[in-house]
Amino acid sequence: MAETVMQFPVDDDLKVQASAVCEELGIDLSVAIRMFMKRIVLTNGIPFSMTLPQKDYKNSRAVRAMYQLSEEAKRNGTANMTLDEINAEIDAARRERAEREAGK
């Protein structure tokens, strides 16, 4: 299969931001662009809805952070702790720290 090298102008900041997202996904920008082009062919159109972005991007970042924290809590077995159990854990950690600092 013959290959073609494509070149097109793109804002430097946009490229850096897109590359960072791709890196977090475990792919590079070239792979992401090839995936996009394959989806164009498969769907016979643009493979995502074309809507105006939300005005408050901070909300989506906060929601993502909450999902990540929730998953981490599930992994370490703290997802179903009660408030009393959480406070007991905090108190125990504070006591341990105070004892370590007193023993210095």
PDB file of N, CA and C in Angstrom:
ATOM      1  N   MET A   1       0.846  -1.177   0.000  1.00  0.00           N
ATOM      2  CA  MET A   1       0.000   0.000   0.000  1.00  0.00           C
ATOM      3  C   MET A   1       0.891   1.239   0.000  1.00  0.00           C
ATOM      4  N   ALA A   2       0.657   2.110  -0.933  1.00  0.00           N
ATOM      5  CA  ALA A   2       1.432   3.343  -1.035  1.00  0.00           C
ATOM      6  C   ALA A   2       1.035   4.289   0.093  1.00  0.00           C
ATOM      7  N   GLU A   3       1.982   5.055   0.552  1.00  0.00           N
ATOM      8  CA  GLU A   3       1.725   6.028   1.612  1.00  0.00           C
ATOM      9  C   GLU A   3       2.027   7.425   1.118  1.00  0.00           C
ATOM     10  N   THR A   4       1.280   8.385   1.659  1.00  0.00           N
ATOM     11  CA  THR A   4       1.470   9.787   1.327  1.00  0.00           C
ATOM     12  C   THR A   4       1.779  10.546   2.605  1.00  0.00           C
ATOM     13  N   VAL A   5       2.741  11.425   2.538  1.00  0.00           N
ATOM     14  CA  VAL A   5       3.049  12.293   3.673  1.00  0.00           C
ATOM     15  C   VAL A   5       2.178  13.531   3.547  1.00  0.00           C
ATOM     16  N   MET A   6       1.472  13.858   4.639  1.00  0.00           N
ATOM     17  CA  MET A   6       0.605  15.038   4.626  1.00  0.00           C
ATOM     18  C   MET A   6       1.239  16.127   5.469  1.00  0.00           C
ATOM     19  N   GLN A   7       1.134  17.345   5.011  1.00  0.00           N
ATOM     20  CA  GLN A   7       1.593  18.494   5.770  1.00  0.00           C
ATOM     21  C   GLN A   7       0.491  19.531   5.753  1.00  0.00           C
ATOM     22  N   PHE A   8       0.236  20.111   6.921  1.00  0.00           N
ATOM     23  CA  PHE A   8      -0.755  21.178   6.989  1.00  0.00           C
ATOM     24  C   PHE A   8      -0.425  22.059   8.180  1.00  0.00           C
ATOM     25  N   PRO A   9      -0.785  23.326   8.079  1.00  0.00           N
ATOM     26  CA  PRO A   9      -0.476  24.251   9.175  1.00  0.00           C
ATOM     27  C   PRO A   9      -1.406  24.006  10.362  1.00  0.00           C
ATOM     28  N   VAL A  10      -0.848  24.136  11.556  1.00  0.00           N
ATOM     29  CA  VAL A  10      -1.633  24.012  12.786  1.00  0.00           C
ATOM     30  C   VAL A  10      -0.979  24.892  13.851  1.00  0.00           C
ATOM     31  N   ASP A  11      -1.795  25.483  14.677  1.00  0.00           N
ATOM     32  CA  ASP A  11      -1.308  26.329  15.758  1.00  0.00           C
ATOM     33  C   ASP A  11      -0.403  25.516  16.687  1.00  0.00           C
ATOM     34  N   ASP A  12       0.737  26.091  17.086  1.00  0.00           N
ATOM     35  CA  ASP A  12       1.692  25.380  17.944  1.00  0.00           C
ATOM     36  C   ASP A  12       1.053  24.918  19.246  1.00  0.00           C
ATOM     37  N   ASP A  13       0.307  25.796  19.903  1.00  0.00           N
ATOM     38  CA  ASP A  13      -0.310  25.433  21.184  1.00  0.00           C
ATOM     39  C   ASP A  13      -1.309  24.296  21.005  1.00  0.00           C
ATOM     40  N   LEU A  14      -2.086  24.321  19.931  1.00  0.00           N
ATOM     41  CA  LEU A  14      -3.056  23.259  19.663  1.00  0.00           C
ATOM     42  C   LEU A  14      -2.340  21.922  19.483  1.00  0.00           C
ATOM     43  N   LYS A  15      -1.237  21.934  18.758  1.00  0.00           N
ATOM     44  CA  LYS A  15      -0.483  20.701  18.543  1.00  0.00           C
ATOM     45  C   LYS A  15       0.061  20.160  19.860  1.00  0.00           C
ATOM     46  N   VAL A  16       0.592  21.025  20.695  1.00  0.00           N
ATOM     47  CA  VAL A  16       1.129  20.604  21.994  1.00  0.00           C
ATOM     48  C   VAL A  16       0.023  20.019  22.862  1.00  0.00           C
ATOM     49  N   GLN A  17      -1.125  20.701  22.918  1.00  0.00           N
ATOM     50  CA  GLN A  17      -2.236  20.219  23.742  1.00  0.00           C
ATOM     51  C   GLN A  17      -2.776  18.890  23.219  1.00  0.00           C
ATOM     52  N   ALA A  18      -2.952  18.778  21.906  1.00  0.00           N
ATOM     53  CA  ALA A  18      -3.461  17.533  21.323  1.00  0.00           C
ATOM     54  C   ALA A  18      -2.468  16.394  21.546  1.00  0.00           C
ATOM     55  N   SER A  19      -1.189  16.670  21.418  1.00  0.00           N
ATOM     56  CA  SER A  19      -0.162  15.653  21.650  1.00  0.00           C
ATOM     57  C   SER A  19      -0.190  15.165  23.091  1.00  0.00           C
ATOM     58  N   ALA A  20      -0.405  16.085  24.030  1.00  0.00           N
ATOM     59  CA  ALA A  20      -0.461  15.708  25.447  1.00  0.00           C
ATOM     60  C   ALA A  20      -1.651  14.791  25.722  1.00  0.00           C
ATOM     61  N   VAL A  21      -2.794  15.101  25.130  1.00  0.00           N
ATOM     62  CA  VAL A  21      -3.976  14.243  25.309  1.00  0.00           C
ATOM     63  C   VAL A  21      -3.702  12.863  24.726  1.00  0.00           C
ATOM     64  N   CYS A  22      -3.154  12.825  23.542  1.00  0.00           N
ATOM     65  CA  CYS A  22      -2.840  11.544  22.898  1.00  0.00           C
ATOM     66  C   CYS A  22      -1.864  10.732  23.745  1.00  0.00           C
ATOM     67  N   GLU A  23      -0.865  11.399  24.291  1.00  0.00           N
ATOM     68  CA  GLU A  23       0.115  10.714  25.127  1.00  0.00           C
ATOM     69  C   GLU A  23      -0.562  10.061  26.336  1.00  0.00           C
ATOM     70  N   GLU A  24      -1.507  10.772  26.950  1.00  0.00           N
ATOM     71  CA  GLU A  24      -2.238  10.196  28.079  1.00  0.00           C
ATOM     72  C   GLU A  24      -3.052   8.978  27.650  1.00  0.00           C
ATOM     73  N   LEU A  25      -3.484   8.963  26.397  1.00  0.00           N
ATOM     74  CA  LEU A  25      -4.243   7.830  25.868  1.00  0.00           C
ATOM     75  C   LEU A  25      -3.335   6.691  25.409  1.00  0.00           C
ATOM     76  N   GLY A  26      -2.027   6.930  25.394  1.00  0.00           N
ATOM     77  CA  GLY A  26      -1.079   5.902  25.011  1.00  0.00           C
ATOM     78  C   GLY A  26      -0.826   5.811  23.514  1.00  0.00           C
ATOM     79  N   ILE A  27      -1.142   6.862  22.800  1.00  0.00           N
ATOM     80  CA  ILE A  27      -0.887   6.899  21.356  1.00  0.00           C
ATOM     81  C   ILE A  27      -0.179   8.203  21.017  1.00  0.00           C
ATOM     82  N   ASP A  28       0.358   8.277  19.800  1.00  0.00           N
ATOM     83  CA  ASP A  28       0.941   9.556  19.392  1.00  0.00           C
ATOM     84  C   ASP A  28      -0.026  10.272  18.454  1.00  0.00           C
ATOM     85  N   LEU A  29       0.268  11.499  18.154  1.00  0.00           N
ATOM     86  CA  LEU A  29      -0.623  12.340  17.365  1.00  0.00           C
ATOM     87  C   LEU A  29      -0.837  11.774  15.958  1.00  0.00           C
ATOM     88  N   SER A  30       0.198  11.204  15.368  1.00  0.00           N
ATOM     89  CA  SER A  30       0.059  10.623  14.027  1.00  0.00           C
ATOM     90  C   SER A  30      -0.951   9.482  14.023  1.00  0.00           C
ATOM     91  N   VAL A  31      -0.901   8.634  15.036  1.00  0.00           N
ATOM     92  CA  VAL A  31      -1.858   7.526  15.144  1.00  0.00           C
ATOM     93  C   VAL A  31      -3.271   8.078  15.288  1.00  0.00           C
ATOM     94  N   ALA A  32      -3.438   9.106  16.119  1.00  0.00           N
ATOM     95  CA  ALA A  32      -4.763   9.695  16.328  1.00  0.00           C
ATOM     96  C   ALA A  32      -5.326  10.263  15.023  1.00  0.00           C
ATOM     97  N   ILE A  33      -4.487  10.911  14.250  1.00  0.00           N
ATOM     98  CA  ILE A  33      -4.948  11.492  12.983  1.00  0.00           C
ATOM     99  C   ILE A  33      -5.327  10.379  12.000  1.00  0.00           C
ATOM    100  N   ARG A  34      -4.527   9.301  11.953  1.00  0.00           N
ATOM    101  CA  ARG A  34      -4.890   8.170  11.090  1.00  0.00           C
ATOM    102  C   ARG A  34      -6.210   7.537  11.540  1.00  0.00           C
ATOM    103  N   MET A  35      -6.410   7.424  12.866  1.00  0.00           N
ATOM    104  CA  MET A  35      -7.668   6.882  13.384  1.00  0.00           C
ATOM    105  C   MET A  35      -8.834   7.763  12.942  1.00  0.00           C
ATOM    106  N   PHE A  36      -8.663   9.057  13.048  1.00  0.00           N
ATOM    107  CA  PHE A  36      -9.704  10.010  12.636  1.00  0.00           C
ATOM    108  C   PHE A  36     -10.042   9.819  11.165  1.00  0.00           C
ATOM    109  N   MET A  37      -9.024   9.718  10.325  1.00  0.00           N
ATOM    110  CA  MET A  37      -9.264   9.565   8.890  1.00  0.00           C
ATOM    111  C   MET A  37      -9.971   8.243   8.578  1.00  0.00           C
ATOM    112  N   LYS A  38      -9.614   7.181   9.285  1.00  0.00           N
ATOM    113  CA  LYS A  38     -10.290   5.889   9.070  1.00  0.00           C
ATOM    114  C   LYS A  38     -11.760   5.970   9.478  1.00  0.00           C
ATOM    115  N   ARG A  39     -12.044   6.691  10.560  1.00  0.00           N
ATOM    116  CA  ARG A  39     -13.436   6.853  10.996  1.00  0.00           C
ATOM    117  C   ARG A  39     -14.224   7.690   9.990  1.00  0.00           C
ATOM    118  N   ILE A  40     -13.597   8.666   9.367  1.00  0.00           N
ATOM    119  CA  ILE A  40     -14.263   9.449   8.314  1.00  0.00           C
ATOM    120  C   ILE A  40     -14.741   8.515   7.211  1.00  0.00           C
ATOM    121  N   VAL A  41     -13.864   7.601   6.811  1.00  0.00           N
ATOM    122  CA  VAL A  41     -14.213   6.659   5.742  1.00  0.00           C
ATOM    123  C   VAL A  41     -15.316   5.708   6.201  1.00  0.00           C
ATOM    124  N   LEU A  42     -15.171   5.151   7.422  1.00  0.00           N
ATOM    125  CA  LEU A  42     -16.164   4.194   7.921  1.00  0.00           C
ATOM    126  C   LEU A  42     -17.552   4.806   8.085  1.00  0.00           C
ATOM    127  N   THR A  43     -17.610   6.039   8.556  1.00  0.00           N
ATOM    128  CA  THR A  43     -18.910   6.679   8.801  1.00  0.00           C
ATOM    129  C   THR A  43     -19.399   7.478   7.599  1.00  0.00           C
ATOM    130  N   ASN A  44     -18.531   7.617   6.596  1.00  0.00           N
ATOM    131  CA  ASN A  44     -18.850   8.412   5.419  1.00  0.00           C
ATOM    132  C   ASN A  44     -19.215   9.848   5.814  1.00  0.00           C
ATOM    133  N   GLY A  45     -18.485  10.381   6.761  1.00  0.00           N
ATOM    134  CA  GLY A  45     -18.719  11.740   7.233  1.00  0.00           C
ATOM    135  C   GLY A  45     -17.811  12.048   8.409  1.00  0.00           C
ATOM    136  N   ILE A  46     -18.041  13.160   9.047  1.00  0.00           N
ATOM    137  CA  ILE A  46     -17.278  13.540  10.245  1.00  0.00           C
ATOM    138  C   ILE A  46     -17.747  12.635  11.388  1.00  0.00           C
ATOM    139  N   PRO A  47     -16.833  11.949  12.071  1.00  0.00           N
ATOM    140  CA  PRO A  47     -17.226  10.927  13.046  1.00  0.00           C
ATOM    141  C   PRO A  47     -17.544  11.444  14.460  1.00  0.00           C
ATOM    142  N   PHE A  48     -18.021  12.648  14.552  1.00  0.00           N
ATOM    143  CA  PHE A  48     -18.461  13.181  15.845  1.00  0.00           C
ATOM    144  C   PHE A  48     -19.481  14.266  15.586  1.00  0.00           C
ATOM    145  N   SER A  49     -20.284  14.543  16.617  1.00  0.00           N
ATOM    146  CA  SER A  49     -21.293  15.589  16.417  1.00  0.00           C
ATOM    147  C   SER A  49     -20.607  16.947  16.384  1.00  0.00           C
ATOM    148  N   MET A  50     -21.162  17.819  15.628  1.00  0.00           N
ATOM    149  CA  MET A  50     -20.582  19.149  15.466  1.00  0.00           C
ATOM    150  C   MET A  50     -21.476  20.130  16.214  1.00  0.00           C
ATOM    151  N   THR A  51     -21.162  20.344  17.492  1.00  0.00           N
ATOM    152  CA  THR A  51     -21.931  21.265  18.312  1.00  0.00           C
ATOM    153  C   THR A  51     -20.991  22.311  18.891  1.00  0.00           C
ATOM    154  N   LEU A  52     -21.553  23.395  19.342  1.00  0.00           N
ATOM    155  CA  LEU A  52     -20.739  24.426  19.987  1.00  0.00           C
ATOM    156  C   LEU A  52     -20.278  23.921  21.344  1.00  0.00           C
ATOM    157  N   PRO A  53     -19.039  24.234  21.740  1.00  0.00           N
ATOM    158  CA  PRO A  53     -18.520  23.760  23.024  1.00  0.00           C
ATOM    159  C   PRO A  53     -19.224  24.434  24.199  1.00  0.00           C
ATOM    160  N   GLN A  54     -19.162  23.738  25.346  1.00  0.00           N
ATOM    161  CA  GLN A  54     -19.695  24.322  26.567  1.00  0.00           C
ATOM    162  C   GLN A  54     -18.855  25.529  26.942  1.00  0.00           C
ATOM    163  N   LYS A  55     -19.475  26.488  27.601  1.00  0.00           N
ATOM    164  CA  LYS A  55     -18.733  27.689  27.995  1.00  0.00           C
ATOM    165  C   LYS A  55     -17.865  27.443  29.225  1.00  0.00           C
ATOM    166  N   ASP A  56     -18.251  26.486  30.076  1.00  0.00           N
ATOM    167  CA  ASP A  56     -17.504  26.267  31.308  1.00  0.00           C
ATOM    168  C   ASP A  56     -16.727  24.959  31.220  1.00  0.00           C
ATOM    169  N   TYR A  57     -15.452  25.040  30.802  1.00  0.00           N
ATOM    170  CA  TYR A  57     -14.624  23.857  30.656  1.00  0.00           C
ATOM    171  C   TYR A  57     -14.169  23.317  32.004  1.00  0.00           C
ATOM    172  N   LYS A  58     -14.178  24.146  33.039  1.00  0.00           N
ATOM    173  CA  LYS A  58     -13.729  23.707  34.351  1.00  0.00           C
ATOM    174  C   LYS A  58     -14.610  22.593  34.887  1.00  0.00           C
ATOM    175  N   ASN A  59     -15.901  22.631  34.572  1.00  0.00           N
ATOM    176  CA  ASN A  59     -16.802  21.591  35.049  1.00  0.00           C
ATOM    177  C   ASN A  59     -16.398  20.218  34.529  1.00  0.00           C
ATOM    178  N   SER A  60     -16.086  20.124  33.248  1.00  0.00           N
ATOM    179  CA  SER A  60     -15.736  18.824  32.689  1.00  0.00           C
ATOM    180  C   SER A  60     -14.438  18.306  33.311  1.00  0.00           C
ATOM    181  N   ARG A  61     -13.511  19.190  33.596  1.00  0.00           N
ATOM    182  CA  ARG A  61     -12.257  18.772  34.240  1.00  0.00           C
ATOM    183  C   ARG A  61     -12.524  18.276  35.660  1.00  0.00           C
ATOM    184  N   ALA A  62     -13.406  18.952  36.370  1.00  0.00           N
ATOM    185  CA  ALA A  62     -13.745  18.546  37.736  1.00  0.00           C
ATOM    186  C   ALA A  62     -14.462  17.203  37.739  1.00  0.00           C
ATOM    187  N   VAL A  63     -15.350  16.999  36.801  1.00  0.00           N
ATOM    188  CA  VAL A  63     -16.066  15.726  36.717  1.00  0.00           C
ATOM    189  C   VAL A  63     -15.082  14.591  36.427  1.00  0.00           C
ATOM    190  N   ARG A  64     -14.140  14.829  35.500  1.00  0.00           N
ATOM    191  CA  ARG A  64     -13.120  13.824  35.204  1.00  0.00           C
ATOM    192  C   ARG A  64     -12.309  13.489  36.449  1.00  0.00           C
ATOM    193  N   ALA A  65     -11.952  14.512  37.218  1.00  0.00           N
ATOM    194  CA  ALA A  65     -11.175  14.292  38.445  1.00  0.00           C
ATOM    195  C   ALA A  65     -11.975  13.469  39.448  1.00  0.00           C
ATOM    196  N   MET A  66     -13.267  13.746  39.566  1.00  0.00           N
ATOM    197  CA  MET A  66     -14.108  12.983  40.496  1.00  0.00           C
ATOM    198  C   MET A  66     -14.199  11.513  40.073  1.00  0.00           C
ATOM    199  N   TYR A  67     -14.332  11.249  38.783  1.00  0.00           N
ATOM    200  CA  TYR A  67     -14.360   9.870  38.303  1.00  0.00           C
ATOM    201  C   TYR A  67     -13.041   9.163  38.597  1.00  0.00           C
ATOM    202  N   GLN A  68     -11.925   9.864  38.400  1.00  0.00           N
ATOM    203  CA  GLN A  68     -10.616   9.271  38.676  1.00  0.00           C
ATOM    204  C   GLN A  68     -10.474   8.947  40.159  1.00  0.00           C
ATOM    205  N   LEU A  69     -10.898   9.869  41.019  1.00  0.00           N
ATOM    206  CA  LEU A  69     -10.822   9.630  42.457  1.00  0.00           C
ATOM    207  C   LEU A  69     -11.722   8.473  42.866  1.00  0.00           C
ATOM    208  N   SER A  70     -12.887   8.385  42.257  1.00  0.00           N
ATOM    209  CA  SER A  70     -13.809   7.287  42.548  1.00  0.00           C
ATOM    210  C   SER A  70     -13.202   5.946  42.168  1.00  0.00           C
ATOM    211  N   GLU A  71     -12.580   5.875  41.004  1.00  0.00           N
ATOM    212  CA  GLU A  71     -11.934   4.634  40.565  1.00  0.00           C
ATOM    213  C   GLU A  71     -10.786   4.264  41.493  1.00  0.00           C
ATOM    214  N   GLU A  72     -10.022   5.259  41.909  1.00  0.00           N
ATOM    215  CA  GLU A  72      -8.910   5.000  42.827  1.00  0.00           C
ATOM    216  C   GLU A  72      -9.430   4.476  44.165  1.00  0.00           C
ATOM    217  N   ALA A  73     -10.516   5.048  44.655  1.00  0.00           N
ATOM    218  CA  ALA A  73     -11.121   4.587  45.906  1.00  0.00           C
ATOM    219  C   ALA A  73     -11.598   3.147  45.780  1.00  0.00           C
ATOM    220  N   LYS A  74     -12.149   2.783  44.637  1.00  0.00           N
ATOM    221  CA  LYS A  74     -12.578   1.392  44.418  1.00  0.00           C
ATOM    222  C   LYS A  74     -11.378   0.457  44.443  1.00  0.00           C
ATOM    223  N   ARG A  75     -10.275   0.880  43.797  1.00  0.00           N
ATOM    224  CA  ARG A  75      -9.080   0.028  43.730  1.00  0.00           C
ATOM    225  C   ARG A  75      -8.469  -0.196  45.106  1.00  0.00           C
ATOM    226  N   ASN A  76      -8.469   0.832  45.952  1.00  0.00           N
ATOM    227  CA  ASN A  76      -7.811   0.668  47.252  1.00  0.00           C
ATOM    228  C   ASN A  76      -8.771   0.306  48.374  1.00  0.00           C
ATOM    229  N   GLY A  77     -10.036   0.010  48.019  1.00  0.00           N
ATOM    230  CA  GLY A  77     -10.991  -0.503  48.998  1.00  0.00           C
ATOM    231  C   GLY A  77     -11.600   0.527  49.928  1.00  0.00           C
ATOM    232  N   THR A  78     -11.546   1.799  49.574  1.00  0.00           N
ATOM    233  CA  THR A  78     -12.104   2.826  50.456  1.00  0.00           C
ATOM    234  C   THR A  78     -13.391   3.434  49.918  1.00  0.00           C
ATOM    235  N   ALA A  79     -13.908   2.916  48.821  1.00  0.00           N
ATOM    236  CA  ALA A  79     -15.070   3.525  48.162  1.00  0.00           C
ATOM    237  C   ALA A  79     -16.338   3.455  49.005  1.00  0.00           C
ATOM    238  N   ASN A  80     -16.468   2.424  49.847  1.00  0.00           N
ATOM    239  CA  ASN A  80     -17.702   2.243  50.602  1.00  0.00           C
ATOM    240  C   ASN A  80     -17.565   2.605  52.080  1.00  0.00           C
ATOM    241  N   MET A  81     -16.540   3.357  52.415  1.00  0.00           N
ATOM    242  CA  MET A  81     -16.342   3.736  53.814  1.00  0.00           C
ATOM    243  C   MET A  81     -17.376   4.775  54.236  1.00  0.00           C
ATOM    244  N   THR A  82     -17.802   4.682  55.499  1.00  0.00           N
ATOM    245  CA  THR A  82     -18.712   5.687  56.039  1.00  0.00           C
ATOM    246  C   THR A  82     -17.904   6.909  56.460  1.00  0.00           C
ATOM    247  N   LEU A  83     -18.604   7.990  56.739  1.00  0.00           N
ATOM    248  CA  LEU A  83     -17.927   9.199  57.196  1.00  0.00           C
ATOM    249  C   LEU A  83     -17.204   8.946  58.516  1.00  0.00           C
ATOM    250  N   ASP A  84     -17.824   8.173  59.406  1.00  0.00           N
ATOM    251  CA  ASP A  84     -17.170   7.842  60.686  1.00  0.00           C
ATOM    252  C   ASP A  84     -15.884   7.046  60.455  1.00  0.00           C
ATOM    253  N   GLU A  85     -15.913   6.104  59.505  1.00  0.00           N
ATOM    254  CA  GLU A  85     -14.715   5.322  59.209  1.00  0.00           C
ATOM    255  C   GLU A  85     -13.618   6.205  58.609  1.00  0.00           C
ATOM    256  N   ILE A  86     -13.993   7.103  57.745  1.00  0.00           N
ATOM    257  CA  ILE A  86     -13.025   8.024  57.141  1.00  0.00           C
ATOM    258  C   ILE A  86     -12.393   8.902  58.220  1.00  0.00           C
ATOM    259  N   ASN A  87     -13.242   9.453  59.111  1.00  0.00           N
ATOM    260  CA  ASN A  87     -12.717  10.295  60.188  1.00  0.00           C
ATOM    261  C   ASN A  87     -11.810   9.502  61.118  1.00  0.00           C
ATOM    262  N   ALA A  88     -12.137   8.236  61.380  1.00  0.00           N
ATOM    263  CA  ALA A  88     -11.290   7.390  62.231  1.00  0.00           C
ATOM    264  C   ALA A  88      -9.928   7.168  61.564  1.00  0.00           C
ATOM    265  N   GLU A  89      -9.931   6.947  60.245  1.00  0.00           N
ATOM    266  CA  GLU A  89      -8.670   6.784  59.504  1.00  0.00           C
ATOM    267  C   GLU A  89      -7.821   8.054  59.590  1.00  0.00           C
ATOM    268  N   ILE A  90      -8.462   9.196  59.426  1.00  0.00           N
ATOM    269  CA  ILE A  90      -7.743  10.472  59.505  1.00  0.00           C
ATOM    270  C   ILE A  90      -7.162  10.671  60.890  1.00  0.00           C
ATOM    271  N   ASP A  91      -7.964  10.410  61.927  1.00  0.00           N
ATOM    272  CA  ASP A  91      -7.480  10.551  63.303  1.00  0.00           C
ATOM    273  C   ASP A  91      -6.292   9.633  63.571  1.00  0.00           C
ATOM    274  N   ALA A  92      -6.366   8.387  63.087  1.00  0.00           N
ATOM    275  CA  ALA A  92      -5.275   7.436  63.286  1.00  0.00           C
ATOM    276  C   ALA A  92      -4.013   7.925  62.585  1.00  0.00           C
ATOM    277  N   ALA A  93      -4.147   8.431  61.371  1.00  0.00           N
ATOM    278  CA  ALA A  93      -2.983   8.937  60.635  1.00  0.00           C
ATOM    279  C   ALA A  93      -2.375  10.138  61.349  1.00  0.00           C
ATOM    280  N   ARG A  94      -3.217  11.000  61.886  1.00  0.00           N
ATOM    281  CA  ARG A  94      -2.707  12.169  62.611  1.00  0.00           C
ATOM    282  C   ARG A  94      -1.980  11.741  63.881  1.00  0.00           C
ATOM    283  N   ARG A  95      -2.525  10.745  64.587  1.00  0.00           N
ATOM    284  CA  ARG A  95      -1.855  10.244  65.803  1.00  0.00           C
ATOM    285  C   ARG A  95      -0.488   9.659  65.459  1.00  0.00           C
ATOM    286  N   GLU A  96      -0.438   8.846  64.391  1.00  0.00           N
ATOM    287  CA  GLU A  96       0.830   8.252  63.974  1.00  0.00           C
ATOM    288  C   GLU A  96       1.857   9.327  63.630  1.00  0.00           C
ATOM    289  N   ARG A  97       1.419  10.358  62.903  1.00  0.00           N
ATOM    290  CA  ARG A  97       2.335  11.433  62.537  1.00  0.00           C
ATOM    291  C   ARG A  97       2.835  12.173  63.775  1.00  0.00           C
ATOM    292  N   ALA A  98       1.924  12.444  64.706  1.00  0.00           N
ATOM    293  CA  ALA A  98       2.306  13.155  65.927  1.00  0.00           C
ATOM    294  C   ALA A  98       3.309  12.310  66.734  1.00  0.00           C
ATOM    295  N   GLU A  99       3.086  11.001  66.782  1.00  0.00           N
ATOM    296  CA  GLU A  99       4.008  10.116  67.517  1.00  0.00           C
ATOM    297  C   GLU A  99       5.383  10.089  66.855  1.00  0.00           C
ATOM    298  N   ARG A 100       5.406  10.048  65.530  1.00  0.00           N
ATOM    299  CA  ARG A 100       6.687  10.064  64.816  1.00  0.00           C
ATOM    300  C   ARG A 100       7.435  11.366  65.070  1.00  0.00           C
ATOM    301  N   GLU A 101       6.696  12.478  65.005  1.00  0.00           N
ATOM    302  CA  GLU A 101       7.322  13.790  65.214  1.00  0.00           C
ATOM    303  C   GLU A 101       7.797  13.955  66.647  1.00  0.00           C
ATOM    304  N   ALA A 102       7.071  13.380  67.605  1.00  0.00           N
ATOM    305  CA  ALA A 102       7.473  13.465  69.007  1.00  0.00           C
ATOM    306  C   ALA A 102       8.711  12.617  69.277  1.00  0.00           C
ATOM    307  N   GLY A 103       8.884  11.544  68.524  1.00  0.00           N
ATOM    308  CA  GLY A 103      10.026  10.646  68.724  1.00  0.00           C
ATOM    309  C   GLY A 103      11.298  11.129  68.069  1.00  0.00           C
ATOM    310  N   LYS A 104      11.266  12.206  67.322  1.00  0.00           N
ATOM    311  CA  LYS A 104      12.463  12.722  66.640  1.00  0.00           C
ATOM    312  C   LYS A 104      13.437  13.319  67.593  1.00  0.00           C
TER     313      LYS A 104
END
